[in-house]
């Protein structure tokens, strides 16, 4: 996920009429109207209207580090002392509350920025640097703003810099459009891409008016239905999911702005059952992974999931022979060996679904989850204090529907069964009981598919099984609630065979 100034902005602040000549230039101060939306907010709105709401305290470790890195950079640039002294003072002032691991990460990021953009004798600005596109909607004036972290002026020439600490430094299309539309001849715009050790000029777009108009249309749709909920992959990054109803609270408490929040995905939930530290370093502290890899192509397992979902969802005739044969049409771009393997797997899958009469599959990649609140630890003025912590457990099921009136969740696996699948089933059952509105029974299937065979694990969750699952997740929430912000060494570690494939193996060994 990309963390940058405009996301920090959002954490602290809230067209077929006029033509695009109504777009005006910008000034470097905070807009003085309520009808202003940052490009990060409009991106969220385009995914789900409910993503905007009351400010929450959800754990955002990379963004937290971004804020303190930014403060250190500002202190360093504004300090006229010797370089070594100004660097030391900036680090002491802004990195003091972090543990030794995160101090090292921050010092490294700080060093990289100083290499990318050495201190210059330019006029420096860092307060609310924006360009704003303006348009009238429904009789009122609205603005879309794109933000810059730093501005430098030298002899009436201006450089504006975005600070990015993520792997992908590419600005959103709407940011580039506003910059292209409103840039002056004496202005240059760059991204300080720290992970890439590079200062990258922001490229212009060919059709800025069209892009800006499109995003104002998105804003206009939002204004007519602010509460519209569109679950999807974006829920993994949204800070409203404990409030919007997608991941409802299942404990006897309520979410307030004083409650700290942690979000644990299904993948990290499995890790939590083995080692607290491994999960905490992913979700609470966001330590850089030692095995970061970008996959360029889909695995055969992913292809099997995607093709199967296309045929099964909203298809009441998926059991018929002609429907089964149509799987081959979907895979006609694959090589012959892969097509045959995928088709054999699909045949095995359908053979197991035949056992469920009146099965209707309505959703794929169905987002499920819930929120638990537990007594935990937090920080206040640099001191550890007692604090309630909400843990949001989330998962994305392969398929969801009903057998008659009974909700059913289906997981497709191209591997053998493992013990952690039972925990995954409990997550789905609890989430489905809330979201699919059933207190009588939830059915969760794990179907393990190979080239030659398929086996099925069926779990039924009635009221007693759901209560048991709830007690299990209450205990897990107590673990995540105990993790102290800014102290990555506070979570307990457990040594086991999972250490060999841990994404933090070397860092953990150094800090035991």
Protein backbone atom coordinates (compact mmCIF):
# COMPACT_ATOMS: atom_id res chain seq x y z
CA UNK A 1 0.00 0.00 0.00
CA UNK A 2 1.24 3.51 -0.82
CA UNK A 3 1.64 5.95 2.06
CA UNK A 4 2.12 9.60 1.34
CA UNK A 5 1.34 13.16 2.37
CA UNK A 6 -2.24 13.22 1.17
CA UNK A 7 -3.04 10.14 3.28
CA UNK A 8 -1.53 11.92 6.28
CA UNK A 9 -3.71 14.92 5.33
CA UNK A 10 -6.80 12.72 5.42
CA UNK A 11 -5.84 11.51 8.88
CA UNK A 12 -6.03 15.06 10.27
CA UNK A 13 -8.79 16.81 8.20
CA UNK A 14 -11.98 16.18 7.11
CA UNK A 15 -20.53 18.61 -13.35
CA UNK A 16 -22.81 18.55 -16.48
CA UNK A 17 -22.85 22.20 -15.78
CA UNK A 18 -19.89 24.47 -16.22
CA UNK A 19 -17.20 23.40 -18.59
CA UNK A 20 -13.70 22.60 -17.44
CA UNK A 21 -12.67 26.23 -17.75
CA UNK A 22 -14.08 26.47 -14.21
CA UNK A 23 -11.00 24.60 -13.05
CA UNK A 24 -8.87 27.16 -11.26
CA UNK A 25 -5.25 27.31 -10.25
CA UNK A 26 -4.04 26.61 -6.76
CA UNK A 27 -2.64 28.37 -3.76
CA UNK A 28 -0.42 26.95 -1.06
CA UNK A 29 -2.75 26.93 1.92
CA UNK A 30 -5.61 24.85 3.25
CA UNK A 31 -8.83 25.31 1.20
CA UNK A 32 -11.37 27.30 3.21
CA UNK A 33 -14.49 25.39 2.14
CA UNK A 34 -16.03 22.17 3.48
CA UNK A 35 -16.72 20.81 -0.03
CA UNK A 36 -13.09 19.86 -0.68
CA UNK A 37 -11.92 16.30 -1.19
CA UNK A 38 -8.35 15.08 -1.54
CA UNK A 39 -7.46 12.79 -4.41
CA UNK A 40 -6.91 10.03 -1.86
CA UNK A 41 -10.46 10.51 -0.58
CA UNK A 42 -11.90 10.47 -4.09
CA UNK A 43 -9.98 7.26 -4.81
CA UNK A 44 -11.56 5.68 -1.73
CA UNK A 45 -15.00 6.94 -2.76
CA UNK A 46 -14.57 5.37 -6.20
CA UNK A 47 -14.12 2.00 -4.48
CA UNK A 48 -16.75 2.30 -1.75
CA UNK A 49 -18.74 5.29 -0.50
CA UNK A 50 -18.66 4.03 3.09
CA UNK A 51 -14.86 4.26 3.17
CA UNK A 52 -15.14 7.87 4.36
CA UNK A 53 -16.27 8.48 7.89
CA UNK A 54 -15.24 9.27 11.45
CA UNK A 55 -11.50 9.25 12.00
CA UNK A 56 -10.35 5.97 13.52
CA UNK A 57 -7.19 4.81 15.27
CA UNK A 58 -6.61 1.73 13.17
CA UNK A 59 -3.01 0.52 13.17
CA UNK A 60 -1.23 2.02 10.16
CA UNK A 61 2.44 1.39 10.95
CA UNK A 62 3.95 2.48 7.65
CA UNK A 63 1.91 5.67 7.74
CA UNK A 64 2.93 6.32 11.35
CA UNK A 65 6.59 5.97 10.34
CA UNK A 66 5.92 8.21 7.32
CA UNK A 67 4.67 10.98 9.62
CA UNK A 68 7.75 10.88 11.87
CA UNK A 69 10.13 10.56 8.91
CA UNK A 70 8.49 13.65 7.43
CA UNK A 71 8.93 15.55 10.70
CA UNK A 72 12.60 14.55 10.80
CA UNK A 73 13.14 15.75 7.23
CA UNK A 74 11.51 19.10 8.01
CA UNK A 75 13.64 19.51 11.17
CA UNK A 76 16.80 18.61 9.24
CA UNK A 77 16.15 21.04 6.37
CA UNK A 78 15.26 23.88 8.75
CA UNK A 79 18.33 23.36 10.93
CA UNK A 80 21.37 25.44 9.90
CA UNK A 81 23.76 23.47 12.11
CA UNK A 82 26.46 21.17 10.74
CA UNK A 83 25.07 18.20 8.81
CA UNK A 84 25.99 15.60 11.43
CA UNK A 85 24.43 17.70 14.19
CA UNK A 86 21.22 18.49 12.32
CA UNK A 87 20.73 14.82 11.43
CA UNK A 88 21.30 13.69 15.01
CA UNK A 89 18.88 16.26 16.45
CA UNK A 90 16.18 15.38 13.88
CA UNK A 91 16.43 11.67 14.72
CA UNK A 92 16.45 12.24 18.49
CA UNK A 93 13.40 14.50 18.31
CA UNK A 94 11.26 12.26 16.10
CA UNK A 95 12.36 8.63 16.48
CA UNK A 96 12.71 8.48 20.28
CA UNK A 97 9.55 6.49 21.08
CA UNK A 98 10.28 3.66 18.63
CA UNK A 99 11.98 0.38 19.46
CA UNK A 100 15.50 -0.36 18.18
CA UNK A 101 14.25 -2.19 15.06
CA UNK A 102 12.01 0.62 13.89
CA UNK A 103 14.57 3.29 14.75
CA UNK A 104 16.92 1.50 12.38
CA UNK A 105 14.24 1.41 9.66
CA UNK A 106 13.51 5.13 10.11
CA UNK A 107 17.20 6.07 10.11
CA UNK A 108 17.65 4.14 6.88
CA UNK A 109 14.68 5.88 5.24
CA UNK A 110 15.97 9.25 6.46
CA UNK A 111 19.43 8.55 5.04
CA UNK A 112 17.97 7.53 1.70
CA UNK A 113 15.99 10.77 1.42
CA UNK A 114 19.08 12.86 2.18
CA UNK A 115 20.89 11.01 -0.63
CA UNK A 116 17.99 11.47 -3.08
CA UNK A 117 17.49 15.13 -2.23
CA UNK A 118 20.50 16.73 -0.49
CA UNK A 119 19.99 19.94 1.46
CA UNK A 120 19.95 23.00 -0.82
CA UNK A 121 20.02 26.72 -0.20
CA UNK A 122 16.44 27.11 -1.46
CA UNK A 123 13.39 28.67 0.12
CA UNK A 124 11.57 25.77 1.77
CA UNK A 125 7.82 25.25 2.32
CA UNK A 126 6.05 22.22 3.81
CA UNK A 127 2.64 23.47 5.03
CA UNK A 128 -0.48 22.43 3.06
CA UNK A 129 0.89 22.50 -0.48
CA UNK A 130 -1.99 21.81 -2.84
CA UNK A 131 -3.28 22.18 -6.36
CA UNK A 132 -7.05 22.33 -6.53
CA UNK A 133 -9.47 21.62 -9.35
CA UNK A 134 -12.88 23.24 -8.80
CA UNK A 135 -16.30 22.57 -10.27
CA UNK A 136 -19.92 23.40 -9.50
CA UNK A 137 -22.10 20.43 -8.56
CA UNK A 138 -25.79 20.80 -7.71
CA UNK A 139 -25.40 24.54 -7.26
CA UNK A 140 -22.39 24.33 -4.93
CA UNK A 141 -18.67 24.63 -5.57
CA UNK A 142 -16.55 21.51 -4.91
CA UNK A 143 -12.82 21.00 -5.11
CA UNK A 144 -10.45 18.08 -5.70
CA UNK A 145 -7.01 18.67 -4.24
CA UNK A 146 -3.70 16.97 -4.88
CA UNK A 147 -1.02 17.46 -2.25
CA UNK A 148 2.74 17.87 -2.15
CA UNK A 149 4.94 17.21 0.84
CA UNK A 150 7.63 19.83 0.16
CA UNK A 151 8.08 22.91 -2.00
CA UNK A 152 11.43 24.48 -2.93
CA UNK A 153 11.90 27.87 -4.63
CA UNK A 154 15.08 29.16 -6.28
CA UNK A 155 15.04 32.32 -8.39
CA UNK A 156 11.34 31.95 -9.19
CA UNK A 157 11.76 28.28 -10.18
CA UNK A 158 9.74 25.81 -8.13
CA UNK A 159 10.18 22.12 -7.32
CA UNK A 160 7.39 20.23 -5.56
CA UNK A 161 8.14 16.87 -3.97
CA UNK A 162 5.97 13.95 -2.88
CA UNK A 163 7.46 11.68 -0.22
CA UNK A 164 6.79 7.98 -0.89
CA UNK A 165 8.07 5.09 1.21
CA UNK A 166 6.20 2.27 -0.55
CA UNK A 167 7.36 -0.06 -3.31
CA UNK A 168 5.09 1.52 -5.92
CA UNK A 169 5.67 5.31 -6.15
CA UNK A 170 3.35 5.95 -9.13
CA UNK A 171 0.86 8.78 -8.38
CA UNK A 172 -2.83 8.14 -8.96
CA UNK A 173 -4.18 9.12 -12.38
CA UNK A 174 -6.28 11.94 -10.92
CA UNK A 175 -3.18 13.45 -9.25
CA UNK A 176 -1.31 13.45 -12.55
CA UNK A 177 -4.33 14.96 -14.32
CA UNK A 178 -4.63 17.88 -11.89
CA UNK A 179 -0.87 18.50 -12.04
CA UNK A 180 -0.92 18.43 -15.85
CA UNK A 181 -3.91 20.79 -16.05
CA UNK A 182 -2.66 23.35 -13.56
CA UNK A 183 1.13 23.31 -13.73
CA UNK A 184 2.98 26.52 -14.63
CA UNK A 185 6.07 26.80 -16.83
CA UNK A 186 8.34 27.44 -13.86
CA UNK A 187 7.20 24.35 -11.92
CA UNK A 188 8.55 20.81 -11.74
CA UNK A 189 6.97 17.91 -9.84
CA UNK A 190 8.81 14.89 -8.46
CA UNK A 191 8.32 11.82 -6.30
CA UNK A 192 11.03 11.04 -3.76
CA UNK A 193 10.73 7.25 -4.12
CA UNK A 194 12.74 6.15 -1.12
CA UNK A 195 12.39 2.39 -1.68
CA UNK A 196 13.79 2.88 -5.19
CA UNK A 197 16.48 5.39 -4.10
CA UNK A 198 15.34 7.70 -6.86
CA UNK A 199 13.86 11.12 -7.51
CA UNK A 200 11.27 10.51 -10.26
CA UNK A 201 9.66 13.25 -12.31
CA UNK A 202 5.86 12.95 -12.34
CA UNK A 203 4.68 12.32 -15.88
CA UNK A 204 1.92 14.34 -17.46
CA UNK A 205 -1.22 12.87 -19.03
CA UNK A 206 -2.67 13.59 -22.45
CA UNK A 207 -6.33 14.04 -21.43
CA UNK A 208 -6.42 15.83 -18.05
CA UNK A 209 -9.83 17.47 -18.62
CA UNK A 210 -11.48 14.12 -19.33
CA UNK A 211 -9.93 12.46 -16.27
CA UNK A 212 -10.83 15.33 -13.93
CA UNK A 213 -14.39 15.39 -15.22
CA UNK A 214 -14.67 11.63 -14.65
CA UNK A 215 -13.64 12.00 -11.01
CA UNK A 216 -16.07 14.84 -10.43
CA UNK A 217 -18.78 12.50 -11.74
CA UNK A 218 -17.66 9.96 -9.13
CA UNK A 219 -17.95 12.68 -6.47
CA UNK A 220 -21.41 13.64 -7.69
CA UNK A 221 -22.58 10.01 -7.38
CA UNK A 222 -21.17 9.90 -3.85
CA UNK A 223 -23.06 13.04 -2.84
CA UNK A 224 -26.38 11.37 -3.74
CA UNK A 225 -25.68 8.20 -1.71
CA UNK A 226 -22.93 8.63 0.86
CA UNK A 227 -23.61 5.32 2.65
CA UNK A 228 -23.43 2.99 -0.36
CA UNK A 229 -21.29 -0.01 0.59
CA UNK A 230 -19.24 -1.92 -1.99
CA UNK A 231 -17.26 -4.70 -0.27
CA UNK A 232 -14.11 -5.89 -1.98
CA UNK A 233 -10.34 -5.97 -1.82
CA UNK A 234 -10.39 -2.36 -0.62
CA UNK A 235 -11.76 -3.53 2.74
CA UNK A 236 -8.24 -4.77 3.54
CA UNK A 237 -7.05 -1.15 3.62
CA UNK A 238 -10.17 0.69 4.79
CA UNK A 239 -10.25 2.23 8.28
CA UNK A 240 -14.06 2.21 8.47
CA UNK A 241 -14.84 -1.52 8.27
CA UNK A 242 -15.49 -1.87 12.01
CA UNK A 243 -18.08 0.91 11.73
CA UNK A 244 -19.73 0.50 8.33
CA UNK A 245 -21.32 -2.89 9.13
CA UNK A 246 -19.13 -5.06 6.93
CA UNK A 247 -17.18 -6.41 9.93
CA UNK A 248 -19.65 -5.90 12.82
CA UNK A 249 -18.81 -5.90 16.50
CA UNK A 250 -19.54 -9.26 18.18
CA UNK A 251 -18.52 -8.35 21.73
CA UNK A 252 -20.56 -6.40 24.28
CA UNK A 253 -18.89 -3.04 23.75
CA UNK A 254 -18.80 -0.20 21.26
CA UNK A 255 -16.27 1.46 18.98
CA UNK A 256 -15.19 4.97 20.04
CA UNK A 257 -12.32 7.20 18.99
CA UNK A 258 -10.49 6.17 22.16
CA UNK A 259 -10.39 2.52 21.08
CA UNK A 260 -7.23 1.55 19.22
CA UNK A 261 -7.79 -0.82 16.28
CA UNK A 262 -5.78 -3.63 14.70
CA UNK A 263 -6.76 -5.46 11.53
CA UNK A 264 -5.82 -9.14 11.06
CA UNK A 265 -6.38 -10.83 7.71
CA UNK A 266 -7.06 -14.53 7.28
CA UNK A 267 -3.45 -15.09 6.20
CA UNK A 268 -2.08 -13.39 9.31
CA UNK A 269 -4.66 -15.15 11.49
CA UNK A 270 -3.09 -18.50 10.55
CA UNK A 271 0.32 -17.08 11.46
CA UNK A 272 -1.04 -15.83 14.79
CA UNK A 273 -1.95 -19.37 15.82
CA UNK A 274 1.76 -20.23 15.57
CA UNK A 275 3.65 -17.07 16.53
CA UNK A 276 2.38 -13.73 17.83
CA UNK A 277 5.48 -11.85 16.74
CA UNK A 278 5.15 -12.88 13.10
CA UNK A 279 1.59 -11.59 12.88
CA UNK A 280 2.30 -8.46 14.92
CA UNK A 281 5.24 -7.48 12.73
CA UNK A 282 2.93 -7.66 9.73
CA UNK A 283 -0.15 -5.89 11.07
CA UNK A 284 0.85 -3.76 14.07
CA UNK A 285 4.36 -2.64 13.13
CA UNK A 286 4.62 -3.20 9.38
CA UNK A 287 8.25 -4.29 9.39
CA UNK A 288 9.74 -4.68 5.90
CA UNK A 289 9.58 -8.29 4.76
CA UNK A 290 12.83 -10.00 3.98
CA UNK A 291 11.31 -11.95 1.08
CA UNK A 292 9.38 -9.24 -0.76
CA UNK A 293 8.54 -10.58 -4.22
CA UNK A 294 6.22 -9.25 -6.91
CA UNK A 295 4.63 -12.13 -8.78
CA UNK A 296 4.42 -11.42 -12.50
CA UNK A 297 2.09 -14.28 -13.46
CA UNK A 298 -0.78 -16.22 -11.93
CA UNK A 299 -0.23 -19.66 -10.44
CA UNK A 300 -2.25 -22.62 -11.72
CA UNK A 301 -4.09 -22.62 -8.39
CA UNK A 302 -5.15 -19.01 -8.87
CA UNK A 303 -6.27 -19.75 -12.42
CA UNK A 304 -8.36 -22.68 -11.17
CA UNK A 305 -10.07 -20.45 -8.63
CA UNK A 306 -10.78 -17.69 -11.16
CA UNK A 307 -12.16 -19.95 -13.89
CA UNK A 308 -14.26 -21.97 -11.43
CA UNK A 309 -15.77 -18.85 -9.92
CA UNK A 310 -16.77 -17.54 -13.37
CA UNK A 311 -18.72 -20.72 -14.11
CA UNK A 312 -20.30 -21.31 -10.71
CA UNK A 313 -21.56 -17.89 -9.59
CA UNK A 314 -25.20 -17.22 -10.47
CA UNK A 315 -25.33 -20.35 -12.64
CA UNK A 316 -28.18 -22.64 -11.59
CA UNK A 317 -27.20 -25.18 -14.27
CA UNK A 318 -23.55 -25.68 -13.37
CA UNK A 319 -24.14 -29.44 -12.85
CA UNK A 320 -25.24 -30.03 -16.42
CA UNK A 321 -22.77 -31.69 -18.79
CA UNK A 322 -22.78 -28.81 -21.28
CA UNK A 323 -21.95 -26.34 -18.53
CA UNK A 324 -19.10 -28.49 -17.31
CA UNK A 325 -17.71 -28.77 -20.84
CA UNK A 326 -17.84 -24.98 -21.22
CA UNK A 327 -14.97 -24.76 -18.73
CA UNK A 328 -12.67 -25.62 -21.62
CA UNK A 329 -13.86 -22.54 -23.51
CA UNK A 330 -12.80 -20.32 -20.64
CA UNK A 331 -9.28 -21.78 -20.65
CA UNK A 332 -8.63 -21.62 -24.39
CA UNK A 333 -5.73 -19.19 -23.90
CA UNK A 334 -3.83 -21.67 -21.73
CA UNK A 335 -1.39 -24.26 -23.03
CA UNK A 336 -2.74 -27.77 -23.61
CA UNK A 337 -1.22 -29.38 -20.51
CA UNK A 338 -2.48 -26.61 -18.22
CA UNK A 339 -5.97 -26.74 -19.78
CA UNK A 340 -6.22 -30.46 -19.19
CA UNK A 341 -5.08 -30.17 -15.57
CA UNK A 342 -7.51 -27.33 -14.85
CA UNK A 343 -10.41 -29.19 -16.45
CA UNK A 344 -9.74 -32.34 -14.44
CA UNK A 345 -9.75 -30.30 -11.24
CA UNK A 346 -13.02 -28.63 -12.20
CA UNK A 347 -14.69 -31.97 -12.92
CA UNK A 348 -13.61 -33.20 -9.49
CA UNK A 349 -14.97 -30.04 -7.88
CA UNK A 350 -18.41 -30.32 -9.53
CA UNK A 351 -18.64 -33.99 -8.58
CA UNK A 352 -18.50 -32.95 -4.91
CA UNK A 353 -21.04 -30.15 -5.28
CA UNK A 354 -23.62 -32.60 -6.64
CA UNK A 355 -24.23 -33.78 -3.08
CA UNK A 356 -25.84 -30.45 -2.11
CA UNK A 357 -29.40 -30.13 -3.33
CA UNK A 358 -30.82 -26.68 -4.05
CA UNK A 359 -27.33 -25.13 -3.96
CA UNK A 360 -27.22 -21.58 -5.29
CA UNK A 361 -23.84 -19.84 -5.44
CA UNK A 362 -24.31 -16.08 -5.43
CA UNK A 363 -20.90 -14.54 -4.69
CA UNK A 364 -17.19 -15.05 -5.29
CA UNK A 365 -14.34 -13.46 -3.35
CA UNK A 366 -16.91 -12.77 -0.63
CA UNK A 367 -15.59 -10.53 2.16
CA UNK A 368 -16.39 -11.74 5.69
CA UNK A 369 -15.27 -10.61 9.09
CA UNK A 370 -16.11 -9.21 12.51
CA UNK A 371 -14.65 -7.11 15.32
CA UNK A 372 -13.74 -8.05 18.91
CA UNK A 373 -12.82 -5.58 21.67
CA UNK A 374 -10.47 -6.59 24.48
CA UNK A 375 -8.62 -4.85 27.30
CA UNK A 376 -5.08 -4.11 26.14
CA UNK A 377 -2.19 -1.67 26.07
CA UNK A 378 -1.62 1.66 24.40
CA UNK A 379 0.59 4.73 24.55
CA UNK A 380 -0.17 8.15 25.96
CA UNK A 381 2.48 10.88 26.00
CA UNK A 382 5.13 8.25 25.44
CA UNK A 383 4.02 6.08 28.37
CA UNK A 384 2.37 2.66 28.24
CA UNK A 385 -1.22 2.79 29.54
CA UNK A 386 -4.24 0.50 29.71
CA UNK A 387 -6.45 0.87 26.65
CA UNK A 388 -9.25 -0.99 24.92
CA UNK A 389 -8.25 -2.44 21.56
CA UNK A 390 -10.55 -3.56 18.75
CA UNK A 391 -9.24 -6.40 16.60
CA UNK A 392 -10.85 -6.73 13.18
CA UNK A 393 -10.62 -10.27 11.79
CA UNK A 394 -11.14 -10.44 8.03
CA UNK A 395 -11.23 -13.10 5.33
CA UNK A 396 -12.19 -13.45 1.70
CA UNK A 397 -14.06 -16.67 0.90
CA UNK A 398 -13.88 -18.22 -2.56
CA UNK A 399 -17.63 -18.77 -2.93
CA UNK A 400 -20.77 -17.96 -0.94
CA UNK A 401 -24.44 -18.77 -1.36
CA UNK A 402 -27.19 -20.86 0.18
CA UNK A 403 -28.38 -24.43 0.32
CA UNK A 404 -32.07 -23.81 0.63
CA UNK A 405 -32.22 -21.23 3.43
CA UNK A 406 -28.87 -22.21 4.96
CA UNK A 407 -25.89 -19.93 4.23
CA UNK A 408 -22.92 -21.80 2.75
CA UNK A 409 -19.29 -20.72 2.43
CA UNK A 410 -17.04 -22.71 0.08
CA UNK A 411 -13.25 -22.68 0.08
CA UNK A 412 -11.36 -24.26 -2.81
CA UNK A 413 -7.95 -25.70 -2.00
CA UNK A 414 -5.39 -27.16 -4.40
CA UNK A 415 -3.36 -28.52 -1.48
CA UNK A 416 -3.84 -31.03 1.31
CA UNK A 417 -5.83 -30.26 4.45
CA UNK A 418 -3.98 -28.53 7.29
CA UNK A 419 -5.09 -27.99 10.94
CA UNK A 420 -5.39 -24.21 10.47
CA UNK A 421 -8.32 -24.77 8.07
CA UNK A 422 -10.55 -25.30 11.10
CA UNK A 423 -9.71 -21.80 12.36
CA UNK A 424 -10.46 -20.40 8.90
CA UNK A 425 -13.85 -22.13 8.98
CA UNK A 426 -14.65 -20.52 12.36
CA UNK A 427 -13.75 -17.09 10.95
CA UNK A 428 -16.08 -17.58 7.98
CA UNK A 429 -18.90 -19.00 10.09
CA UNK A 430 -18.85 -16.10 12.55
CA UNK A 431 -18.66 -13.56 9.74
CA UNK A 432 -21.47 -15.23 7.79
CA UNK A 433 -23.71 -15.44 10.87
CA UNK A 434 -23.53 -11.63 11.08
CA UNK A 435 -23.53 -10.68 7.42
CA UNK A 436 -25.83 -13.37 6.01
CA UNK A 437 -28.25 -13.02 8.93
CA UNK A 438 -28.51 -16.59 10.17
CA UNK A 439 -28.43 -17.74 13.80
CA UNK A 440 -29.63 -21.31 13.12
CA UNK A 441 -26.87 -22.88 11.04
CA UNK A 442 -23.93 -21.97 8.81
CA UNK A 443 -22.32 -24.49 6.48
CA UNK A 444 -18.60 -24.19 5.65
CA UNK A 445 -17.03 -26.47 3.05
CA UNK A 446 -13.36 -26.96 2.33
CA UNK A 447 -12.95 -28.81 -0.97
CA UNK A 448 -9.45 -30.15 -1.59
CA UNK A 449 -8.93 -30.69 -5.31
CA UNK A 450 -6.12 -32.50 -7.11
CA UNK A 451 -5.74 -33.65 -10.73
CA UNK A 452 -7.21 -37.05 -9.92
CA UNK A 453 -9.41 -36.69 -6.87
CA UNK A 454 -11.27 -34.33 -4.57
CA UNK A 455 -12.13 -34.60 -0.90
CA UNK A 456 -14.53 -32.49 1.07
CA UNK A 457 -14.50 -31.33 4.69
CA UNK A 458 -17.91 -30.20 5.87
CA UNK A 459 -18.39 -28.21 9.05
CA UNK A 460 -21.80 -27.22 10.41
CA UNK A 461 -22.03 -24.30 12.81
CA UNK A 462 -25.10 -24.07 15.00
CA UNK A 463 -25.49 -21.78 18.02
CA UNK A 464 -23.14 -23.79 20.27
CA UNK A 465 -20.40 -23.99 17.59
CA UNK A 466 -20.71 -20.26 16.95
CA UNK A 467 -20.38 -19.50 20.66
CA UNK A 468 -17.27 -21.68 20.78
CA UNK A 469 -15.81 -19.84 17.80
CA UNK A 470 -16.58 -16.51 19.43
CA UNK A 471 -14.73 -17.56 22.60
CA UNK A 472 -11.76 -18.59 20.46
CA UNK A 473 -11.54 -15.20 18.77
CA UNK A 474 -12.05 -13.37 22.06
CA UNK A 475 -8.85 -15.07 23.26
CA UNK A 476 -7.01 -14.21 20.05
CA UNK A 477 -8.10 -10.57 20.39
CA UNK A 478 -6.49 -10.45 23.85
CA UNK A 479 -3.16 -11.31 22.22
CA UNK A 480 -3.29 -8.50 19.67
CA UNK A 481 -4.57 -6.06 22.32
CA UNK A 482 -1.41 -6.66 24.36
CA UNK A 483 0.96 -5.45 21.63
CA UNK A 484 2.39 -2.05 22.57
CA UNK A 485 2.42 0.55 19.77
CA UNK A 486 5.93 1.50 18.57
CA UNK A 487 7.47 -1.47 20.45
CA UNK A 488 7.92 -4.31 17.96
CA UNK A 489 9.74 -6.36 20.59
CA UNK A 490 6.70 -6.53 22.90
CA UNK A 491 4.86 -9.43 21.12
CA UNK A 492 5.90 -12.92 22.20
CA UNK A 493 7.65 -15.18 19.71
CA UNK A 494 7.35 -18.96 19.38
CA UNK A 495 9.99 -21.15 17.77
CA UNK A 496 8.79 -23.91 15.42
CA UNK A 497 9.00 -25.27 11.90
CA UNK A 498 7.19 -22.13 10.68
CA UNK A 499 10.39 -20.18 11.40
CA UNK A 500 11.95 -21.60 8.23
CA UNK A 501 9.41 -19.86 6.01
CA UNK A 502 8.93 -16.74 8.15
CA UNK A 503 9.28 -13.44 6.29
CA UNK A 504 11.15 -11.97 9.29
CA UNK A 505 13.47 -14.87 10.08
CA UNK A 506 16.78 -12.97 10.13
CA UNK A 507 15.42 -9.90 11.96
CA UNK A 508 13.77 -12.11 14.58
CA UNK A 509 16.96 -14.11 15.20
CA UNK A 510 18.86 -10.89 15.77
CA UNK A 511 16.35 -9.69 18.35
CA UNK A 512 15.64 -12.67 20.60
